[in-house]
Amino acid sequence: MHILTVLYGHPTDPGAFDEYYEKTHAPLAEPIPGLQSFTYRHCSSLDENPPPYYLVAELTFDSMESLQAGLGSEQGQAAAGDVPNFATGGVTMFVAHD
């Protein structure tokens, strides 16, 4: 299993980010070929400090080959190309695997 984790920094307008993510970006990501699961959630801190990220998304694929093929597909390219439209707080991505 390979999980692409996307960490979104704090946006300039959280309400606009949330609306765009839910109504526009997530529907672009869901049809990526080979995608087994797609989840996203907001971050909270365990103390009074703000968390380092605003939102975490996880996209699960069965292999690195499947992940690369999915991201290279038309649907994957559409989702990746959409990120600059709403991610005003920056984005960090990495792949975790077993």
PDB file of N, CA and C in Angstrom:
ATOM      1  N   MET A   1       0.845  -1.168   0.000  1.00  0.00           N
ATOM      2  CA  MET A   1       0.000   0.000   0.000  1.00  0.00           C
ATOM      3  C   MET A   1       0.898   1.241   0.000  1.00  0.00           C
ATOM      4  N   HIS A   2       0.525   2.238  -0.816  1.00  0.00           N
ATOM      5  CA  HIS A   2       1.233   3.501  -0.885  1.00  0.00           C
ATOM      6  C   HIS A   2       0.218   4.621  -0.665  1.00  0.00           C
ATOM      7  N   ILE A   3       0.533   5.522   0.251  1.00  0.00           N
ATOM      8  CA  ILE A   3      -0.377   6.604   0.610  1.00  0.00           C
ATOM      9  C   ILE A   3       0.287   7.930   0.297  1.00  0.00           C
ATOM     10  N   LEU A   4      -0.338   8.674  -0.597  1.00  0.00           N
ATOM     11  CA  LEU A   4       0.104  10.033  -0.876  1.00  0.00           C
ATOM     12  C   LEU A   4      -0.551  10.925   0.162  1.00  0.00           C
ATOM     13  N   THR A   5       0.257  11.583   0.978  1.00  0.00           N
ATOM     14  CA  THR A   5      -0.245  12.493   1.995  1.00  0.00           C
ATOM     15  C   THR A   5       0.002  13.917   1.513  1.00  0.00           C
ATOM     16  N   VAL A   6      -1.046  14.720   1.544  1.00  0.00           N
ATOM     17  CA  VAL A   6      -0.967  16.117   1.118  1.00  0.00           C
ATOM     18  C   VAL A   6      -1.288  16.977   2.330  1.00  0.00           C
ATOM     19  N   LEU A   7      -0.332  17.838   2.699  1.00  0.00           N
ATOM     20  CA  LEU A   7      -0.472  18.717   3.854  1.00  0.00           C
ATOM     21  C   LEU A   7      -0.667  20.142   3.355  1.00  0.00           C
ATOM     22  N   TYR A   8      -1.803  20.721   3.647  1.00  0.00           N
ATOM     23  CA  TYR A   8      -2.124  22.073   3.210  1.00  0.00           C
ATOM     24  C   TYR A   8      -1.854  23.055   4.342  1.00  0.00           C
ATOM     25  N   GLY A   9      -1.084  24.102   4.033  1.00  0.00           N
ATOM     26  CA  GLY A   9      -0.850  25.168   4.998  1.00  0.00           C
ATOM     27  C   GLY A   9      -2.117  25.984   5.217  1.00  0.00           C
ATOM     28  N   HIS A  10      -2.053  26.864   6.183  1.00  0.00           N
ATOM     29  CA  HIS A  10      -3.216  27.684   6.530  1.00  0.00           C
ATOM     30  C   HIS A  10      -3.539  28.655   5.392  1.00  0.00           C
ATOM     31  N   PRO A  11      -4.749  28.576   4.844  1.00  0.00           N
ATOM     32  CA  PRO A  11      -5.124  29.447   3.729  1.00  0.00           C
ATOM     33  C   PRO A  11      -5.418  30.872   4.197  1.00  0.00           C
ATOM     34  N   THR A  12      -5.382  31.795   3.261  1.00  0.00           N
ATOM     35  CA  THR A  12      -5.707  33.183   3.597  1.00  0.00           C
ATOM     36  C   THR A  12      -7.194  33.341   3.916  1.00  0.00           C
ATOM     37  N   ASP A  13      -8.048  32.520   3.314  1.00  0.00           N
ATOM     38  CA  ASP A  13      -9.490  32.561   3.567  1.00  0.00           C
ATOM     39  C   ASP A  13      -9.976  31.124   3.796  1.00  0.00           C
ATOM     40  N   PRO A  14      -9.997  30.684   5.067  1.00  0.00           N
ATOM     41  CA  PRO A  14     -10.382  29.297   5.353  1.00  0.00           C
ATOM     42  C   PRO A  14     -11.763  28.900   4.822  1.00  0.00           C
ATOM     43  N   GLY A  15     -12.725  29.784   4.901  1.00  0.00           N
ATOM     44  CA  GLY A  15     -14.071  29.459   4.414  1.00  0.00           C
ATOM     45  C   GLY A  15     -14.080  29.203   2.910  1.00  0.00           C
ATOM     46  N   ALA A  16     -13.393  30.052   2.175  1.00  0.00           N
ATOM     47  CA  ALA A  16     -13.319  29.867   0.726  1.00  0.00           C
ATOM     48  C   ALA A  16     -12.546  28.594   0.390  1.00  0.00           C
ATOM     49  N   PHE A  17     -11.477  28.312   1.139  1.00  0.00           N
ATOM     50  CA  PHE A  17     -10.706  27.080   0.934  1.00  0.00           C
ATOM     51  C   PHE A  17     -11.602  25.872   1.110  1.00  0.00           C
ATOM     52  N   ASP A  18     -12.330  25.825   2.238  1.00  0.00           N
ATOM     53  CA  ASP A  18     -13.181  24.668   2.538  1.00  0.00           C
ATOM     54  C   ASP A  18     -14.246  24.454   1.469  1.00  0.00           C
ATOM     55  N   GLU A  19     -14.886  25.534   1.056  1.00  0.00           N
ATOM     56  CA  GLU A  19     -15.938  25.407   0.048  1.00  0.00           C
ATOM     57  C   GLU A  19     -15.365  24.918  -1.280  1.00  0.00           C
ATOM     58  N   TYR A  20     -14.245  25.491  -1.699  1.00  0.00           N
ATOM     59  CA  TYR A  20     -13.637  25.090  -2.965  1.00  0.00           C
ATOM     60  C   TYR A  20     -13.156  23.646  -2.889  1.00  0.00           C
ATOM     61  N   TYR A  21     -12.529  23.285  -1.768  1.00  0.00           N
ATOM     62  CA  TYR A  21     -11.998  21.930  -1.636  1.00  0.00           C
ATOM     63  C   TYR A  21     -13.116  20.896  -1.741  1.00  0.00           C
ATOM     64  N   GLU A  22     -14.182  21.143  -0.995  1.00  0.00           N
ATOM     65  CA  GLU A  22     -15.291  20.172  -0.962  1.00  0.00           C
ATOM     66  C   GLU A  22     -16.067  20.107  -2.275  1.00  0.00           C
ATOM     67  N   LYS A  23     -16.326  21.260  -2.886  1.00  0.00           N
ATOM     68  CA  LYS A  23     -17.193  21.288  -4.061  1.00  0.00           C
ATOM     69  C   LYS A  23     -16.451  21.151  -5.386  1.00  0.00           C
ATOM     70  N   THR A  24     -15.175  21.507  -5.423  1.00  0.00           N
ATOM     71  CA  THR A  24     -14.444  21.496  -6.689  1.00  0.00           C
ATOM     72  C   THR A  24     -13.259  20.537  -6.685  1.00  0.00           C
ATOM     73  N   HIS A  25     -12.383  20.656  -5.698  1.00  0.00           N
ATOM     74  CA  HIS A  25     -11.153  19.861  -5.738  1.00  0.00           C
ATOM     75  C   HIS A  25     -11.371  18.383  -5.427  1.00  0.00           C
ATOM     76  N   ALA A  26     -12.080  18.081  -4.362  1.00  0.00           N
ATOM     77  CA  ALA A  26     -12.300  16.676  -4.004  1.00  0.00           C
ATOM     78  C   ALA A  26     -12.972  15.904  -5.143  1.00  0.00           C
ATOM     79  N   PRO A  27     -13.983  16.476  -5.825  1.00  0.00           N
ATOM     80  CA  PRO A  27     -14.562  15.746  -6.955  1.00  0.00           C
ATOM     81  C   PRO A  27     -13.580  15.515  -8.110  1.00  0.00           C
ATOM     82  N   LEU A  28     -12.547  16.346  -8.226  1.00  0.00           N
ATOM     83  CA  LEU A  28     -11.524  16.101  -9.247  1.00  0.00           C
ATOM     84  C   LEU A  28     -10.624  14.933  -8.858  1.00  0.00           C
ATOM     85  N   ALA A  29     -10.367  14.784  -7.557  1.00  0.00           N
ATOM     86  CA  ALA A  29      -9.460  13.736  -7.080  1.00  0.00           C
ATOM     87  C   ALA A  29     -10.115  12.362  -7.044  1.00  0.00           C
ATOM     88  N   GLU A  30     -11.383  12.303  -6.746  1.00  0.00           N
ATOM     89  CA  GLU A  30     -12.059  11.018  -6.542  1.00  0.00           C
ATOM     90  C   GLU A  30     -11.999  10.059  -7.730  1.00  0.00           C
ATOM     91  N   PRO A  31     -12.039  10.532  -8.999  1.00  0.00           N
ATOM     92  CA  PRO A  31     -11.990   9.579 -10.123  1.00  0.00           C
ATOM     93  C   PRO A  31     -10.580   9.207 -10.600  1.00  0.00           C
ATOM     94  N   ILE A  32      -9.555   9.549  -9.839  1.00  0.00           N
ATOM     95  CA  ILE A  32      -8.192   9.203 -10.264  1.00  0.00           C
ATOM     96  C   ILE A  32      -8.085   7.677 -10.372  1.00  0.00           C
ATOM     97  N   PRO A  33      -7.637   7.175 -11.521  1.00  0.00           N
ATOM     98  CA  PRO A  33      -7.525   5.719 -11.697  1.00  0.00           C
ATOM     99  C   PRO A  33      -6.583   5.087 -10.655  1.00  0.00           C
ATOM    100  N   GLY A  34      -7.007   3.952 -10.129  1.00  0.00           N
ATOM    101  CA  GLY A  34      -6.204   3.225  -9.152  1.00  0.00           C
ATOM    102  C   GLY A  34      -6.370   3.702  -7.720  1.00  0.00           C
ATOM    103  N   LEU A  35      -7.100   4.777  -7.510  1.00  0.00           N
ATOM    104  CA  LEU A  35      -7.308   5.321  -6.165  1.00  0.00           C
ATOM    105  C   LEU A  35      -8.196   4.372  -5.365  1.00  0.00           C
ATOM    106  N   GLN A  36      -7.680   3.863  -4.252  1.00  0.00           N
ATOM    107  CA  GLN A  36      -8.451   2.939  -3.414  1.00  0.00           C
ATOM    108  C   GLN A  36      -9.258   3.663  -2.351  1.00  0.00           C
ATOM    109  N   SER A  37      -8.680   4.732  -1.798  1.00  0.00           N
ATOM    110  CA  SER A  37      -9.421   5.531  -0.823  1.00  0.00           C
ATOM    111  C   SER A  37      -8.886   6.960  -0.841  1.00  0.00           C
ATOM    112  N   PHE A  38      -9.756   7.880  -0.450  1.00  0.00           N
ATOM    113  CA  PHE A  38      -9.421   9.298  -0.418  1.00  0.00           C
ATOM    114  C   PHE A  38     -10.111   9.892   0.792  1.00  0.00           C
ATOM    115  N   THR A  39      -9.329  10.400   1.724  1.00  0.00           N
ATOM    116  CA  THR A  39      -9.894  11.029   2.913  1.00  0.00           C
ATOM    117  C   THR A  39      -9.204  12.372   3.131  1.00  0.00           C
ATOM    118  N   TYR A  40      -9.907  13.264   3.775  1.00  0.00           N
ATOM    119  CA  TYR A  40      -9.304  14.537   4.162  1.00  0.00           C
ATOM    120  C   TYR A  40      -9.957  15.017   5.454  1.00  0.00           C
ATOM    121  N   ARG A  41      -9.171  15.758   6.235  1.00  0.00           N
ATOM    122  CA  ARG A  41      -9.658  16.249   7.514  1.00  0.00           C
ATOM    123  C   ARG A  41      -8.863  17.460   7.955  1.00  0.00           C
ATOM    124  N   HIS A  42      -9.490  18.278   8.767  1.00  0.00           N
ATOM    125  CA  HIS A  42      -8.831  19.462   9.311  1.00  0.00           C
ATOM    126  C   HIS A  42      -7.920  19.077  10.474  1.00  0.00           C
ATOM    127  N   CYS A  43      -6.933  19.914  10.719  1.00  0.00           N
ATOM    128  CA  CYS A  43      -5.967  19.661  11.788  1.00  0.00           C
ATOM    129  C   CYS A  43      -6.309  20.497  13.019  1.00  0.00           C
ATOM    130  N   SER A  44      -5.982  19.953  14.183  1.00  0.00           N
ATOM    131  CA  SER A  44      -6.107  20.649  15.459  1.00  0.00           C
ATOM    132  C   SER A  44      -4.819  20.444  16.226  1.00  0.00           C
ATOM    133  N   SER A  45      -4.595  21.300  17.189  1.00  0.00           N
ATOM    134  CA  SER A  45      -3.390  21.216  18.009  1.00  0.00           C
ATOM    135  C   SER A  45      -3.730  20.621  19.371  1.00  0.00           C
ATOM    136  N   LEU A  46      -2.745  20.017  19.991  1.00  0.00           N
ATOM    137  CA  LEU A  46      -2.938  19.468  21.335  1.00  0.00           C
ATOM    138  C   LEU A  46      -2.694  20.515  22.419  1.00  0.00           C
ATOM    139  N   ASP A  47      -2.199  21.685  22.038  1.00  0.00           N
ATOM    140  CA  ASP A  47      -1.996  22.774  22.986  1.00  0.00           C
ATOM    141  C   ASP A  47      -2.584  24.052  22.402  1.00  0.00           C
ATOM    142  N   GLU A  48      -2.225  25.197  22.935  1.00  0.00           N
ATOM    143  CA  GLU A  48      -2.809  26.462  22.466  1.00  0.00           C
ATOM    144  C   GLU A  48      -2.172  26.995  21.182  1.00  0.00           C
ATOM    145  N   ASN A  49      -1.123  26.364  20.712  1.00  0.00           N
ATOM    146  CA  ASN A  49      -0.469  26.786  19.478  1.00  0.00           C
ATOM    147  C   ASN A  49      -1.262  26.294  18.268  1.00  0.00           C
ATOM    148  N   PRO A  50      -1.247  27.062  17.188  1.00  0.00           N
ATOM    149  CA  PRO A  50      -1.941  26.590  15.992  1.00  0.00           C
ATOM    150  C   PRO A  50      -1.217  25.385  15.398  1.00  0.00           C
ATOM    151  N   PRO A  51      -1.949  24.454  14.803  1.00  0.00           N
ATOM    152  CA  PRO A  51      -1.298  23.301  14.182  1.00  0.00           C
ATOM    153  C   PRO A  51      -0.476  23.771  12.979  1.00  0.00           C
ATOM    154  N   PRO A  52       0.542  23.020  12.588  1.00  0.00           N
ATOM    155  CA  PRO A  52       1.372  23.446  11.460  1.00  0.00           C
ATOM    156  C   PRO A  52       0.647  23.383  10.115  1.00  0.00           C
ATOM    157  N   TYR A  53      -0.430  22.611  10.031  1.00  0.00           N
ATOM    158  CA  TYR A  53      -1.173  22.473   8.783  1.00  0.00           C
ATOM    159  C   TYR A  53      -2.650  22.698   9.032  1.00  0.00           C
ATOM    160  N   TYR A  54      -3.343  23.087   7.974  1.00  0.00           N
ATOM    161  CA  TYR A  54      -4.778  23.345   8.042  1.00  0.00           C
ATOM    162  C   TYR A  54      -5.587  22.095   7.721  1.00  0.00           C
ATOM    163  N   LEU A  55      -5.144  21.359   6.699  1.00  0.00           N
ATOM    164  CA  LEU A  55      -5.898  20.196   6.234  1.00  0.00           C
ATOM    165  C   LEU A  55      -4.917  19.124   5.784  1.00  0.00           C
ATOM    166  N   VAL A  56      -5.262  17.871   6.046  1.00  0.00           N
ATOM    167  CA  VAL A  56      -4.469  16.723   5.602  1.00  0.00           C
ATOM    168  C   VAL A  56      -5.358  15.871   4.701  1.00  0.00           C
ATOM    169  N   ALA A  57      -4.823  15.507   3.531  1.00  0.00           N
ATOM    170  CA  ALA A  57      -5.527  14.604   2.625  1.00  0.00           C
ATOM    171  C   ALA A  57      -4.671  13.364   2.422  1.00  0.00           C
ATOM    172  N   GLU A  58      -5.307  12.203   2.345  1.00  0.00           N
ATOM    173  CA  GLU A  58      -4.610  10.944   2.097  1.00  0.00           C
ATOM    174  C   GLU A  58      -5.265  10.224   0.931  1.00  0.00           C
ATOM    175  N   LEU A  59      -4.440   9.904  -0.049  1.00  0.00           N
ATOM    176  CA  LEU A  59      -4.889   9.167  -1.234  1.00  0.00           C
ATOM    177  C   LEU A  59      -4.145   7.846  -1.250  1.00  0.00           C
ATOM    178  N   THR A  60      -4.871   6.735  -1.178  1.00  0.00           N
ATOM    179  CA  THR A  60      -4.282   5.416  -1.049  1.00  0.00           C
ATOM    180  C   THR A  60      -4.324   4.658  -2.376  1.00  0.00           C
ATOM    181  N   PHE A  61      -3.184   4.056  -2.726  1.00  0.00           N
ATOM    182  CA  PHE A  61      -3.030   3.241  -3.928  1.00  0.00           C
ATOM    183  C   PHE A  61      -2.401   1.917  -3.521  1.00  0.00           C
ATOM    184  N   ASP A  62      -2.564   0.883  -4.327  1.00  0.00           N
ATOM    185  CA  ASP A  62      -2.027  -0.419  -3.945  1.00  0.00           C
ATOM    186  C   ASP A  62      -0.528  -0.550  -4.193  1.00  0.00           C
ATOM    187  N   SER A  63       0.056   0.320  -5.017  1.00  0.00           N
ATOM    188  CA  SER A  63       1.495   0.234  -5.298  1.00  0.00           C
ATOM    189  C   SER A  63       2.004   1.586  -5.775  1.00  0.00           C
ATOM    190  N   MET A  64       3.320   1.745  -5.802  1.00  0.00           N
ATOM    191  CA  MET A  64       3.906   2.967  -6.320  1.00  0.00           C
ATOM    192  C   MET A  64       3.595   3.121  -7.805  1.00  0.00           C
ATOM    193  N   GLU A  65       3.575   2.006  -8.523  1.00  0.00           N
ATOM    194  CA  GLU A  65       3.247   2.055  -9.946  1.00  0.00           C
ATOM    195  C   GLU A  65       1.821   2.565 -10.166  1.00  0.00           C
ATOM    196  N   SER A  66       0.900   2.094  -9.346  1.00  0.00           N
ATOM    197  CA  SER A  66      -0.493   2.525  -9.442  1.00  0.00           C
ATOM    198  C   SER A  66      -0.620   4.010  -9.093  1.00  0.00           C
ATOM    199  N   LEU A  67       0.101   4.447  -8.073  1.00  0.00           N
ATOM    200  CA  LEU A  67       0.094   5.849  -7.680  1.00  0.00           C
ATOM    201  C   LEU A  67       0.620   6.721  -8.818  1.00  0.00           C
ATOM    202  N   GLN A  68       1.751   6.347  -9.378  1.00  0.00           N
ATOM    203  CA  GLN A  68       2.343   7.131 -10.461  1.00  0.00           C
ATOM    204  C   GLN A  68       1.448   7.153 -11.696  1.00  0.00           C
ATOM    205  N   ALA A  69       0.856   6.016 -12.022  1.00  0.00           N
ATOM    206  CA  ALA A  69      -0.050   5.967 -13.164  1.00  0.00           C
ATOM    207  C   ALA A  69      -1.281   6.839 -12.912  1.00  0.00           C
ATOM    208  N   GLY A  70      -1.812   6.783 -11.708  1.00  0.00           N
ATOM    209  CA  GLY A  70      -2.981   7.585 -11.362  1.00  0.00           C
ATOM    210  C   GLY A  70      -2.687   9.073 -11.435  1.00  0.00           C
ATOM    211  N   LEU A  71      -1.560   9.473 -10.873  1.00  0.00           N
ATOM    212  CA  LEU A  71      -1.213  10.892 -10.899  1.00  0.00           C
ATOM    213  C   LEU A  71      -0.867  11.363 -12.306  1.00  0.00           C
ATOM    214  N   GLY A  72      -0.370  10.463 -13.127  1.00  0.00           N
ATOM    215  CA  GLY A  72      -0.028  10.802 -14.496  1.00  0.00           C
ATOM    216  C   GLY A  72      -1.214  10.788 -15.444  1.00  0.00           C
ATOM    217  N   SER A  73      -2.340  10.268 -14.982  1.00  0.00           N
ATOM    218  CA  SER A  73      -3.537  10.191 -15.819  1.00  0.00           C
ATOM    219  C   SER A  73      -4.141  11.580 -16.018  1.00  0.00           C
ATOM    220  N   GLU A  74      -5.080  11.651 -16.932  1.00  0.00           N
ATOM    221  CA  GLU A  74      -5.787  12.909 -17.178  1.00  0.00           C
ATOM    222  C   GLU A  74      -6.453  13.420 -15.896  1.00  0.00           C
ATOM    223  N   GLN A  75      -7.086  12.508 -15.146  1.00  0.00           N
ATOM    224  CA  GLN A  75      -7.754  12.899 -13.904  1.00  0.00           C
ATOM    225  C   GLN A  75      -6.742  13.353 -12.847  1.00  0.00           C
ATOM    226  N   GLY A  76      -5.620  12.637 -12.751  1.00  0.00           N
ATOM    227  CA  GLY A  76      -4.585  13.018 -11.793  1.00  0.00           C
ATOM    228  C   GLY A  76      -3.975  14.363 -12.116  1.00  0.00           C
ATOM    229  N   GLN A  77      -3.737  14.616 -13.394  1.00  0.00           N
ATOM    230  CA  GLN A  77      -3.189  15.896 -13.816  1.00  0.00           C
ATOM    231  C   GLN A  77      -4.183  17.032 -13.580  1.00  0.00           C
ATOM    232  N   ALA A  78      -5.462  16.773 -13.770  1.00  0.00           N
ATOM    233  CA  ALA A  78      -6.485  17.796 -13.506  1.00  0.00           C
ATOM    234  C   ALA A  78      -6.507  18.162 -12.026  1.00  0.00           C
ATOM    235  N   ALA A  79      -6.438  17.156 -11.146  1.00  0.00           N
ATOM    236  CA  ALA A  79      -6.446  17.420  -9.710  1.00  0.00           C
ATOM    237  C   ALA A  79      -5.185  18.175  -9.292  1.00  0.00           C
ATOM    238  N   ALA A  80      -4.034  17.729  -9.772  1.00  0.00           N
ATOM    239  CA  ALA A  80      -2.774  18.402  -9.426  1.00  0.00           C
ATOM    240  C   ALA A  80      -2.755  19.831  -9.957  1.00  0.00           C
ATOM    241  N   GLY A  81      -3.245  20.033 -11.163  1.00  0.00           N
ATOM    242  CA  GLY A  81      -3.267  21.361 -11.753  1.00  0.00           C
ATOM    243  C   GLY A  81      -4.219  22.314 -11.066  1.00  0.00           C
ATOM    244  N   ASP A  82      -5.176  21.774 -10.319  1.00  0.00           N
ATOM    245  CA  ASP A  82      -6.159  22.591  -9.612  1.00  0.00           C
ATOM    246  C   ASP A  82      -5.624  23.159  -8.301  1.00  0.00           C
ATOM    247  N   VAL A  83      -4.597  22.556  -7.731  1.00  0.00           N
ATOM    248  CA  VAL A  83      -4.102  22.948  -6.405  1.00  0.00           C
ATOM    249  C   VAL A  83      -3.793  24.443  -6.299  1.00  0.00           C
ATOM    250  N   PRO A  84      -3.110  25.061  -7.262  1.00  0.00           N
ATOM    251  CA  PRO A  84      -2.829  26.494  -7.130  1.00  0.00           C
ATOM    252  C   PRO A  84      -4.076  27.381  -7.085  1.00  0.00           C
ATOM    253  N   ASN A  85      -5.218  26.854  -7.485  1.00  0.00           N
ATOM    254  CA  ASN A  85      -6.453  27.634  -7.475  1.00  0.00           C
ATOM    255  C   ASN A  85      -7.001  27.897  -6.081  1.00  0.00           C
ATOM    256  N   PHE A  86      -6.540  27.159  -5.074  1.00  0.00           N
ATOM    257  CA  PHE A  86      -7.113  27.328  -3.734  1.00  0.00           C
ATOM    258  C   PHE A  86      -6.103  27.217  -2.601  1.00  0.00           C
ATOM    259  N   ALA A  87      -4.944  26.628  -2.827  1.00  0.00           N
ATOM    260  CA  ALA A  87      -3.986  26.346  -1.741  1.00  0.00           C
ATOM    261  C   ALA A  87      -3.080  27.541  -1.487  1.00  0.00           C
ATOM    262  N   THR A  88      -3.648  28.621  -0.964  1.00  0.00           N
ATOM    263  CA  THR A  88      -2.896  29.847  -0.724  1.00  0.00           C
ATOM    264  C   THR A  88      -1.886  29.722   0.418  1.00  0.00           C
ATOM    265  N   GLY A  89      -2.025  28.704   1.245  1.00  0.00           N
ATOM    266  CA  GLY A  89      -1.104  28.500   2.366  1.00  0.00           C
ATOM    267  C   GLY A  89       0.042  27.561   2.054  1.00  0.00           C
ATOM    268  N   GLY A  90       0.143  27.113   0.813  1.00  0.00           N
ATOM    269  CA  GLY A  90       1.214  26.190   0.424  1.00  0.00           C
ATOM    270  C   GLY A  90       0.812  24.741   0.624  1.00  0.00           C
ATOM    271  N   VAL A  91       1.618  23.860   0.014  1.00  0.00           N
ATOM    272  CA  VAL A  91       1.331  22.421   0.037  1.00  0.00           C
ATOM    273  C   VAL A  91       2.632  21.650   0.212  1.00  0.00           C
ATOM    274  N   THR A  92       2.581  20.610   1.042  1.00  0.00           N
ATOM    275  CA  THR A  92       3.687  19.658   1.197  1.00  0.00           C
ATOM    276  C   THR A  92       3.114  18.276   0.908  1.00  0.00           C
ATOM    277  N   MET A  93       3.851  17.468   0.129  1.00  0.00           N
ATOM    278  CA  MET A  93       3.372  16.127  -0.195  1.00  0.00           C
ATOM    279  C   MET A  93       4.484  15.105   0.053  1.00  0.00           C
ATOM    280  N   PHE A  94       4.090  13.917   0.452  1.00  0.00           N
ATOM    281  CA  PHE A  94       5.026  12.801   0.552  1.00  0.00           C
ATOM    282  C   PHE A  94       4.261  11.492   0.420  1.00  0.00           C
ATOM    283  N   VAL A  95       5.015  10.429   0.144  1.00  0.00           N
ATOM    284  CA  VAL A  95       4.418   9.106   0.009  1.00  0.00           C
ATOM    285  C   VAL A  95       4.917   8.230   1.143  1.00  0.00           C
ATOM    286  N   ALA A  96       3.996   7.574   1.826  1.00  0.00           N
ATOM    287  CA  ALA A  96       4.325   6.588   2.858  1.00  0.00           C
ATOM    288  C   ALA A  96       3.910   5.222   2.334  1.00  0.00           C
ATOM    289  N   HIS A  97       4.654   4.206   2.705  1.00  0.00           N
ATOM    290  CA  HIS A  97       4.326   2.861   2.213  1.00  0.00           C
ATOM    291  C   HIS A  97       4.728   1.818   3.233  1.00  0.00           C
ATOM    292  N   ASP A  98       4.163   0.620   3.072  1.00  0.00           N
ATOM    293  CA  ASP A  98       4.521  -0.470   3.976  1.00  0.00           C
ATOM    294  C   ASP A  98       5.500  -1.391   3.299  1.00  0.00           C
TER     295      ASP A  98
END
